[in-house]
C-alpha cells in the first residue's frame, strides 16, 4: 500500500451503491466498478479508464430520483502510484479523489 495521507477515518464498503455511480471527467465519463473506501474528504474508486492526476472531475450518483454531483480532483491514479497499480488489473484502474466539500455520498448507501 502507498502511504496514507488522509487523516479522517475511512469506511470500506462490502455493499456497493445501489444506484448508478460514475466519474465525469471532461467530455467523457468513467464507469465505477467499486467504491474501495471513502472518508469525508476523499474517495478511492476502481474505474474502467484512467483519470489524470490533477484533473478536476465530478462524481455523479443517481438513484431513486436523486441526482447528486460532487466536485473533486484526482490526486493519484494507479499509473502514478506503483503500490496502487499493483491493486489494479489490466481491465481497470484505481483513482484517489480529493473531494472539494465533505462527502454526502455515504448517506445514500
PDB file of N, CA and C in Angstrom:
ATOM      1  N   UNK A   1       0.840  -1.190   0.000  1.00  0.00           N
ATOM      2  CA  UNK A   1       0.000   0.000   0.000  1.00  0.00           C
ATOM      3  C   UNK A   1       0.883   1.251   0.000  1.00  0.00           C
ATOM      4  N   UNK A   2       0.362   2.311  -0.566  1.00  0.00           N
ATOM      5  CA  UNK A   2       1.070   3.575  -0.567  1.00  0.00           C
ATOM      6  C   UNK A   2       0.821   4.288   0.762  1.00  0.00           C
ATOM      7  N   UNK A   3       1.673   5.224   1.142  1.00  0.00           N
ATOM      8  CA  UNK A   3       1.489   5.923   2.416  1.00  0.00           C
ATOM      9  C   UNK A   3       0.156   6.671   2.414  1.00  0.00           C
ATOM     10  N   UNK A   4      -0.593   6.512   3.467  1.00  0.00           N
ATOM     11  CA  UNK A   4      -1.908   7.154   3.569  1.00  0.00           C
ATOM     12  C   UNK A   4      -1.752   8.599   4.009  1.00  0.00           C
ATOM     13  N   UNK A   5      -2.413   9.508   3.294  1.00  0.00           N
ATOM     14  CA  UNK A   5      -2.330  10.923   3.619  1.00  0.00           C
ATOM     15  C   UNK A   5      -3.606  11.432   4.269  1.00  0.00           C
ATOM     16  N   UNK A   6      -4.696  10.690   4.135  1.00  0.00           N
ATOM     17  CA  UNK A   6      -5.938  11.127   4.746  1.00  0.00           C
ATOM     18  C   UNK A   6      -5.871  10.891   6.255  1.00  0.00           C
ATOM     19  N   UNK A   7      -6.272  11.896   7.005  1.00  0.00           N
ATOM     20  CA  UNK A   7      -6.265  11.792   8.467  1.00  0.00           C
ATOM     21  C   UNK A   7      -7.620  11.316   8.996  1.00  0.00           C
ATOM     22  N   UNK A   8      -8.681  11.460   8.192  1.00  0.00           N
ATOM     23  CA  UNK A   8     -10.012  11.080   8.616  1.00  0.00           C
ATOM     24  C   UNK A   8     -10.171   9.565   8.574  1.00  0.00           C
ATOM     25  N   UNK A   9     -11.102   9.066   9.365  1.00  0.00           N
ATOM     26  CA  UNK A   9     -11.393   7.638   9.339  1.00  0.00           C
ATOM     27  C   UNK A   9     -12.007   7.281   7.986  1.00  0.00           C
ATOM     28  N   UNK A  10     -11.578   6.148   7.431  1.00  0.00           N
ATOM     29  CA  UNK A  10     -12.091   5.689   6.142  1.00  0.00           C
ATOM     30  C   UNK A  10     -13.094   4.572   6.362  1.00  0.00           C
ATOM     31  N   UNK A  11     -14.110   4.565   5.524  1.00  0.00           N
ATOM     32  CA  UNK A  11     -15.092   3.490   5.553  1.00  0.00           C
ATOM     33  C   UNK A  11     -14.866   2.614   4.333  1.00  0.00           C
ATOM     34  N   UNK A  12     -14.784   1.303   4.544  1.00  0.00           N
ATOM     35  CA  UNK A  12     -14.720   0.346   3.441  1.00  0.00           C
ATOM     36  C   UNK A  12     -16.112  -0.212   3.234  1.00  0.00           C
ATOM     37  N   UNK A  13     -16.433  -0.561   2.007  1.00  0.00           N
ATOM     38  CA  UNK A  13     -17.796  -0.976   1.693  1.00  0.00           C
ATOM     39  C   UNK A  13     -17.845  -2.398   1.171  1.00  0.00           C
ATOM     40  N   UNK A  14     -18.590  -3.243   1.853  1.00  0.00           N
ATOM     41  CA  UNK A  14     -18.858  -4.573   1.316  1.00  0.00           C
ATOM     42  C   UNK A  14     -20.099  -4.500   0.449  1.00  0.00           C
ATOM     43  N   UNK A  15     -21.016  -3.604   0.794  1.00  0.00           N
ATOM     44  CA  UNK A  15     -22.213  -3.377  -0.024  1.00  0.00           C
ATOM     45  C   UNK A  15     -21.972  -2.138  -0.870  1.00  0.00           C
ATOM     46  N   UNK A  16     -21.993  -2.301  -2.152  1.00  0.00           N
ATOM     47  CA  UNK A  16     -21.732  -1.202  -3.082  1.00  0.00           C
ATOM     48  C   UNK A  16     -22.999  -0.364  -3.279  1.00  0.00           C
ATOM     49  N   UNK A  17     -22.852   0.841  -3.824  1.00  0.00           N
ATOM     50  CA  UNK A  17     -24.012   1.719  -4.031  1.00  0.00           C
ATOM     51  C   UNK A  17     -25.101   1.026  -4.840  1.00  0.00           C
ATOM     52  N   UNK A  18     -26.353   1.265  -4.461  1.00  0.00           N
ATOM     53  CA  UNK A  18     -27.453   0.631  -5.191  1.00  0.00           C
ATOM     54  C   UNK A  18     -27.829   1.398  -6.451  1.00  0.00           C
ATOM     55  N   UNK A  19     -27.393   2.646  -6.548  1.00  0.00           N
ATOM     56  CA  UNK A  19     -27.681   3.456  -7.722  1.00  0.00           C
ATOM     57  C   UNK A  19     -26.532   3.441  -8.710  1.00  0.00           C
ATOM     58  N   UNK A  20     -26.604   4.340  -9.668  1.00  0.00           N
ATOM     59  CA  UNK A  20     -25.558   4.464 -10.690  1.00  0.00           C
ATOM     60  C   UNK A  20     -24.512   5.462 -10.201  1.00  0.00           C
ATOM     61  N   UNK A  21     -23.261   5.051 -10.220  1.00  0.00           N
ATOM     62  CA  UNK A  21     -22.153   5.902  -9.799  1.00  0.00           C
ATOM     63  C   UNK A  21     -21.181   6.020 -10.960  1.00  0.00           C
ATOM     64  N   UNK A  22     -20.803   7.242 -11.313  1.00  0.00           N
ATOM     65  CA  UNK A  22     -19.853   7.445 -12.397  1.00  0.00           C
ATOM     66  C   UNK A  22     -18.985   8.662 -12.099  1.00  0.00           C
ATOM     67  N   UNK A  23     -17.863   8.723 -12.779  1.00  0.00           N
ATOM     68  CA  UNK A  23     -16.958   9.859 -12.682  1.00  0.00           C
ATOM     69  C   UNK A  23     -17.045  10.615 -14.001  1.00  0.00           C
ATOM     70  N   UNK A  24     -17.392  11.898 -13.922  1.00  0.00           N
ATOM     71  CA  UNK A  24     -17.460  12.750 -15.101  1.00  0.00           C
ATOM     72  C   UNK A  24     -16.136  13.497 -15.202  1.00  0.00           C
ATOM     73  N   UNK A  25     -15.411  13.223 -16.265  1.00  0.00           N
ATOM     74  CA  UNK A  25     -14.074  13.789 -16.454  1.00  0.00           C
ATOM     75  C   UNK A  25     -14.020  14.447 -17.827  1.00  0.00           C
ATOM     76  N   UNK A  26     -14.142  15.753 -17.838  1.00  0.00           N
ATOM     77  CA  UNK A  26     -14.127  16.464 -19.119  1.00  0.00           C
ATOM     78  C   UNK A  26     -15.327  16.074 -19.961  1.00  0.00           C
ATOM     79  N   UNK A  27     -15.064  15.624 -21.185  1.00  0.00           N
ATOM     80  CA  UNK A  27     -16.149  15.264 -22.092  1.00  0.00           C
ATOM     81  C   UNK A  27     -16.469  13.770 -22.081  1.00  0.00           C
ATOM     82  N   UNK A  28     -15.926  13.027 -21.122  1.00  0.00           N
ATOM     83  CA  UNK A  28     -16.215  11.598 -21.051  1.00  0.00           C
ATOM     84  C   UNK A  28     -16.535  11.190 -19.611  1.00  0.00           C
ATOM     85  N   UNK A  29     -17.088  10.004 -19.467  1.00  0.00           N
ATOM     86  CA  UNK A  29     -17.387   9.506 -18.125  1.00  0.00           C
ATOM     87  C   UNK A  29     -16.702   8.164 -17.915  1.00  0.00           C
ATOM     88  N   UNK A  30     -16.386   7.892 -16.667  1.00  0.00           N
ATOM     89  CA  UNK A  30     -15.748   6.638 -16.291  1.00  0.00           C
ATOM     90  C   UNK A  30     -16.758   5.799 -15.525  1.00  0.00           C
ATOM     91  N   UNK A  31     -16.837   4.539 -15.871  1.00  0.00           N
ATOM     92  CA  UNK A  31     -17.699   3.625 -15.149  1.00  0.00           C
ATOM     93  C   UNK A  31     -17.012   3.237 -13.843  1.00  0.00           C
ATOM     94  N   UNK A  32     -17.753   3.283 -12.752  1.00  0.00           N
ATOM     95  CA  UNK A  32     -17.217   2.888 -11.452  1.00  0.00           C
ATOM     96  C   UNK A  32     -17.581   1.434 -11.212  1.00  0.00           C
ATOM     97  N   UNK A  33     -16.558   0.590 -11.031  1.00  0.00           N
ATOM     98  CA  UNK A  33     -16.764  -0.819 -10.722  1.00  0.00           C
ATOM     99  C   UNK A  33     -16.930  -1.049  -9.228  1.00  0.00           C
ATOM    100  N   UNK A  34     -16.204  -0.241  -8.425  1.00  0.00           N
ATOM    101  CA  UNK A  34     -16.197  -0.486  -6.984  1.00  0.00           C
ATOM    102  C   UNK A  34     -15.784   0.779  -6.233  1.00  0.00           C
ATOM    103  N   UNK A  35     -16.465   1.034  -5.124  1.00  0.00           N
ATOM    104  CA  UNK A  35     -16.007   2.022  -4.159  1.00  0.00           C
ATOM    105  C   UNK A  35     -15.103   1.255  -3.211  1.00  0.00           C
ATOM    106  N   UNK A  36     -13.802   1.535  -3.265  1.00  0.00           N
ATOM    107  CA  UNK A  36     -12.843   0.802  -2.444  1.00  0.00           C
ATOM    108  C   UNK A  36     -12.938   1.276  -1.003  1.00  0.00           C
ATOM    109  N   UNK A  37     -12.862   2.581  -0.805  1.00  0.00           N
ATOM    110  CA  UNK A  37     -13.065   3.162   0.519  1.00  0.00           C
ATOM    111  C   UNK A  37     -13.368   4.642   0.376  1.00  0.00           C
ATOM    112  N   UNK A  38     -13.807   5.248   1.496  1.00  0.00           N
ATOM    113  CA  UNK A  38     -14.221   6.642   1.465  1.00  0.00           C
ATOM    114  C   UNK A  38     -14.011   7.262   2.840  1.00  0.00           C
ATOM    115  N   UNK A  39     -13.647   8.520   2.842  1.00  0.00           N
ATOM    116  CA  UNK A  39     -13.607   9.329   4.056  1.00  0.00           C
ATOM    117  C   UNK A  39     -14.415  10.591   3.742  1.00  0.00           C
ATOM    118  N   UNK A  40     -14.665  11.442   4.728  1.00  0.00           N
ATOM    119  CA  UNK A  40     -15.432  12.655   4.422  1.00  0.00           C
ATOM    120  C   UNK A  40     -14.784  13.539   3.348  1.00  0.00           C
ATOM    121  N   UNK A  41     -13.465  13.461   3.181  1.00  0.00           N
ATOM    122  CA  UNK A  41     -12.794  14.344   2.228  1.00  0.00           C
ATOM    123  C   UNK A  41     -12.186  13.632   1.021  1.00  0.00           C
ATOM    124  N   UNK A  42     -12.335  12.318   0.925  1.00  0.00           N
ATOM    125  CA  UNK A  42     -11.734  11.613  -0.201  1.00  0.00           C
ATOM    126  C   UNK A  42     -12.400  10.287  -0.476  1.00  0.00           C
ATOM    127  N   UNK A  43     -12.153   9.774  -1.675  1.00  0.00           N
ATOM    128  CA  UNK A  43     -12.741   8.505  -2.075  1.00  0.00           C
ATOM    129  C   UNK A  43     -11.766   7.795  -3.018  1.00  0.00           C
ATOM    130  N   UNK A  44     -11.699   6.492  -2.881  1.00  0.00           N
ATOM    131  CA  UNK A  44     -10.859   5.666  -3.766  1.00  0.00           C
ATOM    132  C   UNK A  44     -11.794   4.766  -4.550  1.00  0.00           C
ATOM    133  N   UNK A  45     -11.670   4.815  -5.886  1.00  0.00           N
ATOM    134  CA  UNK A  45     -12.579   4.105  -6.780  1.00  0.00           C
ATOM    135  C   UNK A  45     -11.820   3.209  -7.741  1.00  0.00           C
ATOM    136  N   UNK A  46     -12.429   2.079  -8.078  1.00  0.00           N
ATOM    137  CA  UNK A  46     -11.957   1.210  -9.157  1.00  0.00           C
ATOM    138  C   UNK A  46     -12.829   1.553 -10.366  1.00  0.00           C
ATOM    139  N   UNK A  47     -12.185   2.009 -11.447  1.00  0.00           N
ATOM    140  CA  UNK A  47     -12.904   2.508 -12.623  1.00  0.00           C
ATOM    141  C   UNK A  47     -12.399   1.833 -13.898  1.00  0.00           C
ATOM    142  N   UNK A  48     -13.113   2.078 -15.005  1.00  0.00           N
ATOM    143  CA  UNK A  48     -12.780   1.402 -16.264  1.00  0.00           C
ATOM    144  C   UNK A  48     -11.728   2.114 -17.105  1.00  0.00           C
ATOM    145  N   UNK A  49     -11.381   3.362 -16.772  1.00  0.00           N
ATOM    146  CA  UNK A  49     -10.377   4.101 -17.539  1.00  0.00           C
ATOM    147  C   UNK A  49      -9.627   5.027 -16.592  1.00  0.00           C
ATOM    148  N   UNK A  50      -8.442   5.417 -16.981  1.00  0.00           N
ATOM    149  CA  UNK A  50      -7.615   6.255 -16.116  1.00  0.00           C
ATOM    150  C   UNK A  50      -8.064   7.707 -16.176  1.00  0.00           C
ATOM    151  N   UNK A  51      -7.976   8.397 -15.057  1.00  0.00           N
ATOM    152  CA  UNK A  51      -8.180   9.838 -14.997  1.00  0.00           C
ATOM    153  C   UNK A  51      -6.835  10.438 -14.610  1.00  0.00           C
ATOM    154  N   UNK A  52      -6.496  11.550 -15.201  1.00  0.00           N
ATOM    155  CA  UNK A  52      -5.186  12.155 -14.978  1.00  0.00           C
ATOM    156  C   UNK A  52      -5.045  12.823 -13.624  1.00  0.00           C
ATOM    157  N   UNK A  53      -3.871  12.714 -13.042  1.00  0.00           N
ATOM    158  CA  UNK A  53      -3.578  13.386 -11.778  1.00  0.00           C
ATOM    159  C   UNK A  53      -3.738  14.891 -11.988  1.00  0.00           C
ATOM    160  N   UNK A  54      -4.454  15.534 -11.080  1.00  0.00           N
ATOM    161  CA  UNK A  54      -4.713  16.960 -11.174  1.00  0.00           C
ATOM    162  C   UNK A  54      -5.987  17.296 -11.929  1.00  0.00           C
ATOM    163  N   UNK A  55      -6.606  16.295 -12.534  1.00  0.00           N
ATOM    164  CA  UNK A  55      -7.819  16.531 -13.314  1.00  0.00           C
ATOM    165  C   UNK A  55      -8.994  16.821 -12.382  1.00  0.00           C
ATOM    166  N   UNK A  56      -9.740  17.884 -12.689  1.00  0.00           N
ATOM    167  CA  UNK A  56     -10.956  18.196 -11.949  1.00  0.00           C
ATOM    168  C   UNK A  56     -12.083  17.340 -12.502  1.00  0.00           C
ATOM    169  N   UNK A  57     -12.806  16.689 -11.605  1.00  0.00           N
ATOM    170  CA  UNK A  57     -13.856  15.756 -12.011  1.00  0.00           C
ATOM    171  C   UNK A  57     -15.115  16.028 -11.193  1.00  0.00           C
ATOM    172  N   UNK A  58     -16.174  15.330 -11.558  1.00  0.00           N
ATOM    173  CA  UNK A  58     -17.378  15.273 -10.742  1.00  0.00           C
ATOM    174  C   UNK A  58     -17.712  13.805 -10.528  1.00  0.00           C
ATOM    175  N   UNK A  59     -18.123  13.473  -9.316  1.00  0.00           N
ATOM    176  CA  UNK A  59     -18.650  12.146  -9.038  1.00  0.00           C
ATOM    177  C   UNK A  59     -20.158  12.298  -9.059  1.00  0.00           C
ATOM    178  N   UNK A  60     -20.812  11.489  -9.881  1.00  0.00           N
ATOM    179  CA  UNK A  60     -22.260  11.586 -10.026  1.00  0.00           C
ATOM    180  C   UNK A  60     -22.911  10.313  -9.512  1.00  0.00           C
ATOM    181  N   UNK A  61     -23.897  10.478  -8.647  1.00  0.00           N
ATOM    182  CA  UNK A  61     -24.647   9.354  -8.094  1.00  0.00           C
ATOM    183  C   UNK A  61     -26.118   9.568  -8.416  1.00  0.00           C
ATOM    184  N   UNK A  62     -26.740   8.556  -9.041  1.00  0.00           N
ATOM    185  CA  UNK A  62     -28.151   8.624  -9.399  1.00  0.00           C
ATOM    186  C   UNK A  62     -28.871   7.400  -8.861  1.00  0.00           C
ATOM    187  N   UNK A  63     -29.965   7.647  -8.117  1.00  0.00           N
ATOM    188  CA  UNK A  63     -30.795   6.550  -7.601  1.00  0.00           C
ATOM    189  C   UNK A  63     -32.095   7.112  -7.065  1.00  0.00           C
ATOM    190  N   UNK A  64     -33.185   6.455  -7.390  1.00  0.00           N
ATOM    191  CA  UNK A  64     -34.495   6.785  -6.809  1.00  0.00           C
ATOM    192  C   UNK A  64     -34.801   8.281  -6.830  1.00  0.00           C
ATOM    193  N   UNK A  65     -34.619   8.920  -7.970  1.00  0.00           N
ATOM    194  CA  UNK A  65     -34.918  10.338  -8.101  1.00  0.00           C
ATOM    195  C   UNK A  65     -33.831  11.272  -7.580  1.00  0.00           C
ATOM    196  N   UNK A  66     -32.771  10.738  -7.019  1.00  0.00           N
ATOM    197  CA  UNK A  66     -31.645  11.540  -6.537  1.00  0.00           C
ATOM    198  C   UNK A  66     -30.629  11.657  -7.665  1.00  0.00           C
ATOM    199  N   UNK A  67     -30.143  12.860  -7.907  1.00  0.00           N
ATOM    200  CA  UNK A  67     -29.077  13.087  -8.878  1.00  0.00           C
ATOM    201  C   UNK A  67     -28.075  14.024  -8.213  1.00  0.00           C
ATOM    202  N   UNK A  68     -27.060  13.438  -7.587  1.00  0.00           N
ATOM    203  CA  UNK A  68     -26.107  14.173  -6.779  1.00  0.00           C
ATOM    204  C   UNK A  68     -24.769  14.237  -7.493  1.00  0.00           C
ATOM    205  N   UNK A  69     -24.171  15.433  -7.554  1.00  0.00           N
ATOM    206  CA  UNK A  69     -22.844  15.604  -8.142  1.00  0.00           C
ATOM    207  C   UNK A  69     -21.937  16.260  -7.111  1.00  0.00           C
ATOM    208  N   UNK A  70     -20.768  15.660  -6.929  1.00  0.00           N
ATOM    209  CA  UNK A  70     -19.757  16.212  -6.032  1.00  0.00           C
ATOM    210  C   UNK A  70     -18.504  16.525  -6.834  1.00  0.00           C
ATOM    211  N   UNK A  71     -17.921  17.688  -6.609  1.00  0.00           N
ATOM    212  CA  UNK A  71     -16.694  18.085  -7.293  1.00  0.00           C
ATOM    213  C   UNK A  71     -15.484  17.523  -6.562  1.00  0.00           C
ATOM    214  N   UNK A  72     -14.455  17.217  -7.322  1.00  0.00           N
ATOM    215  CA  UNK A  72     -13.228  16.719  -6.727  1.00  0.00           C
ATOM    216  C   UNK A  72     -12.067  16.836  -7.697  1.00  0.00           C
ATOM    217  N   UNK A  73     -10.904  16.436  -7.219  1.00  0.00           N
ATOM    218  CA  UNK A  73      -9.684  16.444  -8.011  1.00  0.00           C
ATOM    219  C   UNK A  73      -8.993  15.099  -7.846  1.00  0.00           C
ATOM    220  N   UNK A  74      -8.542  14.528  -8.957  1.00  0.00           N
ATOM    221  CA  UNK A  74      -7.789  13.279  -8.913  1.00  0.00           C
ATOM    222  C   UNK A  74      -6.413  13.611  -8.335  1.00  0.00           C
ATOM    223  N   UNK A  75      -6.084  13.013  -7.197  1.00  0.00           N
ATOM    224  CA  UNK A  75      -4.789  13.313  -6.580  1.00  0.00           C
ATOM    225  C   UNK A  75      -3.760  12.220  -6.843  1.00  0.00           C
ATOM    226  N   UNK A  76      -4.206  11.025  -7.231  1.00  0.00           N
ATOM    227  CA  UNK A  76      -3.299   9.973  -7.667  1.00  0.00           C
ATOM    228  C   UNK A  76      -4.101   8.966  -8.475  1.00  0.00           C
ATOM    229  N   UNK A  77      -3.377   8.197  -9.268  1.00  0.00           N
ATOM    230  CA  UNK A  77      -4.012   7.107 -10.002  1.00  0.00           C
ATOM    231  C   UNK A  77      -3.073   5.910  -9.993  1.00  0.00           C
ATOM    232  N   UNK A  78      -3.554   4.790 -10.483  1.00  0.00           N
ATOM    233  CA  UNK A  78      -2.758   3.568 -10.420  1.00  0.00           C
ATOM    234  C   UNK A  78      -1.539   3.611 -11.336  1.00  0.00           C
ATOM    235  N   UNK A  79      -1.452   4.578 -12.243  1.00  0.00           N
ATOM    236  CA  UNK A  79      -0.237   4.762 -13.038  1.00  0.00           C
ATOM    237  C   UNK A  79       0.803   5.582 -12.275  1.00  0.00           C
ATOM    238  N   UNK A  80       0.344   6.529 -11.453  1.00  0.00           N
ATOM    239  CA  UNK A  80       1.270   7.426 -10.754  1.00  0.00           C
ATOM    240  C   UNK A  80       1.779   6.855  -9.440  1.00  0.00           C
ATOM    241  N   UNK A  81       1.103   5.853  -8.912  1.00  0.00           N
ATOM    242  CA  UNK A  81       1.468   5.276  -7.620  1.00  0.00           C
ATOM    243  C   UNK A  81       1.673   3.778  -7.791  1.00  0.00           C
ATOM    244  N   UNK A  82       2.912   3.309  -7.848  1.00  0.00           N
ATOM    245  CA  UNK A  82       3.173   1.890  -8.110  1.00  0.00           C
ATOM    246  C   UNK A  82       2.433   0.922  -7.188  1.00  0.00           C
ATOM    247  N   UNK A  83       2.315   1.255  -5.903  1.00  0.00           N
ATOM    248  CA  UNK A  83       1.616   0.346  -4.989  1.00  0.00           C
ATOM    249  C   UNK A  83       0.138   0.227  -5.352  1.00  0.00           C
ATOM    250  N   UNK A  84      -0.479   1.324  -5.756  1.00  0.00           N
ATOM    251  CA  UNK A  84      -1.880   1.275  -6.180  1.00  0.00           C
ATOM    252  C   UNK A  84      -1.999   0.549  -7.512  1.00  0.00           C
ATOM    253  N   UNK A  85      -1.006   0.685  -8.355  1.00  0.00           N
ATOM    254  CA  UNK A  85      -1.010  -0.012  -9.634  1.00  0.00           C
ATOM    255  C   UNK A  85      -1.049  -1.517  -9.458  1.00  0.00           C
ATOM    256  N   UNK A  86      -0.432  -2.004  -8.401  1.00  0.00           N
ATOM    257  CA  UNK A  86      -0.456  -3.451  -8.159  1.00  0.00           C
ATOM    258  C   UNK A  86      -1.841  -3.926  -7.743  1.00  0.00           C
ATOM    259  N   UNK A  87      -2.694  -3.007  -7.255  1.00  0.00           N
ATOM    260  CA  UNK A  87      -4.078  -3.365  -6.903  1.00  0.00           C
ATOM    261  C   UNK A  87      -4.987  -3.385  -8.119  1.00  0.00           C
ATOM    262  N   UNK A  88      -4.582  -2.738  -9.194  1.00  0.00           N
ATOM    263  CA  UNK A  88      -5.396  -2.664 -10.407  1.00  0.00           C
ATOM    264  C   UNK A  88      -5.071  -3.850 -11.310  1.00  0.00           C
ATOM    265  N   UNK A  89      -5.975  -4.111 -12.245  1.00  0.00           N
ATOM    266  CA  UNK A  89      -5.734  -5.170 -13.220  1.00  0.00           C
ATOM    267  C   UNK A  89      -5.599  -4.540 -14.602  1.00  0.00           C
ATOM    268  N   UNK A  90      -5.450  -5.379 -15.616  1.00  0.00           N
ATOM    269  CA  UNK A  90      -5.337  -4.846 -16.986  1.00  0.00           C
ATOM    270  C   UNK A  90      -6.624  -4.179 -17.426  1.00  0.00           C
ATOM    271  N   UNK A  91      -7.753  -4.565 -16.838  1.00  0.00           N
ATOM    272  CA  UNK A  91      -9.050  -4.063 -17.284  1.00  0.00           C
ATOM    273  C   UNK A  91      -9.624  -2.951 -16.416  1.00  0.00           C
ATOM    274  N   UNK A  92      -8.938  -2.578 -15.364  1.00  0.00           N
ATOM    275  CA  UNK A  92      -9.453  -1.499 -14.532  1.00  0.00           C
ATOM    276  C   UNK A  92      -8.318  -0.655 -13.970  1.00  0.00           C
ATOM    277  N   UNK A  93      -8.688   0.433 -13.357  1.00  0.00           N
ATOM    278  CA  UNK A  93      -7.741   1.398 -12.802  1.00  0.00           C
ATOM    279  C   UNK A  93      -8.263   1.831 -11.442  1.00  0.00           C
ATOM    280  N   UNK A  94      -7.378   2.318 -10.608  1.00  0.00           N
ATOM    281  CA  UNK A  94      -7.783   2.838  -9.311  1.00  0.00           C
ATOM    282  C   UNK A  94      -7.389   4.304  -9.260  1.00  0.00           C
ATOM    283  N   UNK A  95      -8.328   5.132  -8.803  1.00  0.00           N
ATOM    284  CA  UNK A  95      -8.055   6.561  -8.681  1.00  0.00           C
ATOM    285  C   UNK A  95      -8.384   7.021  -7.263  1.00  0.00           C
ATOM    286  N   UNK A  96      -7.576   7.941  -6.772  1.00  0.00           N
ATOM    287  CA  UNK A  96      -7.817   8.582  -5.487  1.00  0.00           C
ATOM    288  C   UNK A  96      -8.283   9.995  -5.735  1.00  0.00           C
ATOM    289  N   UNK A  97      -9.421  10.346  -5.173  1.00  0.00           N
ATOM    290  CA  UNK A  97     -10.033  11.639  -5.429  1.00  0.00           C
ATOM    291  C   UNK A  97     -10.158  12.412  -4.123  1.00  0.00           C
ATOM    292  N   UNK A  98      -9.687  13.654  -4.141  1.00  0.00           N
ATOM    293  CA  UNK A  98      -9.916  14.559  -3.020  1.00  0.00           C
ATOM    294  C   UNK A  98     -11.175  15.338  -3.336  1.00  0.00           C
ATOM    295  N   UNK A  99     -12.167  15.237  -2.457  1.00  0.00           N
ATOM    296  CA  UNK A  99     -13.434  15.927  -2.674  1.00  0.00           C
ATOM    297  C   UNK A  99     -13.303  17.390  -2.274  1.00  0.00           C
ATOM    298  N   UNK A 100     -13.977  18.255  -3.024  1.00  0.00           N
ATOM    299  CA  UNK A 100     -13.933  19.688  -2.757  1.00  0.00           C
ATOM    300  C   UNK A 100     -14.671  20.033  -1.469  1.00  0.00           C
ATOM    301  N   UNK A 101     -15.744  19.294  -1.180  1.00  0.00           N
ATOM    302  CA  UNK A 101     -16.503  19.512   0.046  1.00  0.00           C
ATOM    303  C   UNK A 101     -16.741  18.153   0.697  1.00  0.00           C
ATOM    304  N   UNK A 102     -17.075  18.140   1.972  1.00  0.00           N
ATOM    305  CA  UNK A 102     -17.289  16.854   2.642  1.00  0.00           C
ATOM    306  C   UNK A 102     -18.320  16.001   1.911  1.00  0.00           C
ATOM    307  N   UNK A 103     -18.082  14.715   1.914  1.00  0.00           N
ATOM    308  CA  UNK A 103     -18.896  13.789   1.133  1.00  0.00           C
ATOM    309  C   UNK A 103     -20.283  13.579   1.701  1.00  0.00           C
ATOM    310  N   UNK A 104     -21.277  13.702   0.823  1.00  0.00           N
ATOM    311  CA  UNK A 104     -22.653  13.359   1.162  1.00  0.00           C
ATOM    312  C   UNK A 104     -22.998  11.963   0.663  1.00  0.00           C
ATOM    313  N   UNK A 105     -22.119  11.383  -0.128  1.00  0.00           N
ATOM    314  CA  UNK A 105     -22.415  10.093  -0.759  1.00  0.00           C
ATOM    315  C   UNK A 105     -22.701   8.995   0.255  1.00  0.00           C
ATOM    316  N   UNK A 106     -22.014   8.999   1.386  1.00  0.00           N
ATOM    317  CA  UNK A 106     -22.182   7.943   2.371  1.00  0.00           C
ATOM    318  C   UNK A 106     -23.609   7.857   2.889  1.00  0.00           C
ATOM    319  N   UNK A 107     -24.333   8.955   2.833  1.00  0.00           N
ATOM    320  CA  UNK A 107     -25.716   8.956   3.318  1.00  0.00           C
ATOM    321  C   UNK A 107     -26.660   8.173   2.414  1.00  0.00           C
ATOM    322  N   UNK A 108     -26.223   7.889   1.193  1.00  0.00           N
ATOM    323  CA  UNK A 108     -27.131   7.264   0.236  1.00  0.00           C
ATOM    324  C   UNK A 108     -26.986   5.764   0.126  1.00  0.00           C
ATOM    325  N   UNK A 109     -26.035   5.147   0.836  1.00  0.00           N
ATOM    326  CA  UNK A 109     -25.970   3.679   0.839  1.00  0.00           C
ATOM    327  C   UNK A 109     -25.383   3.143   2.089  1.00  0.00           C
TER     328      UNK A 109
END
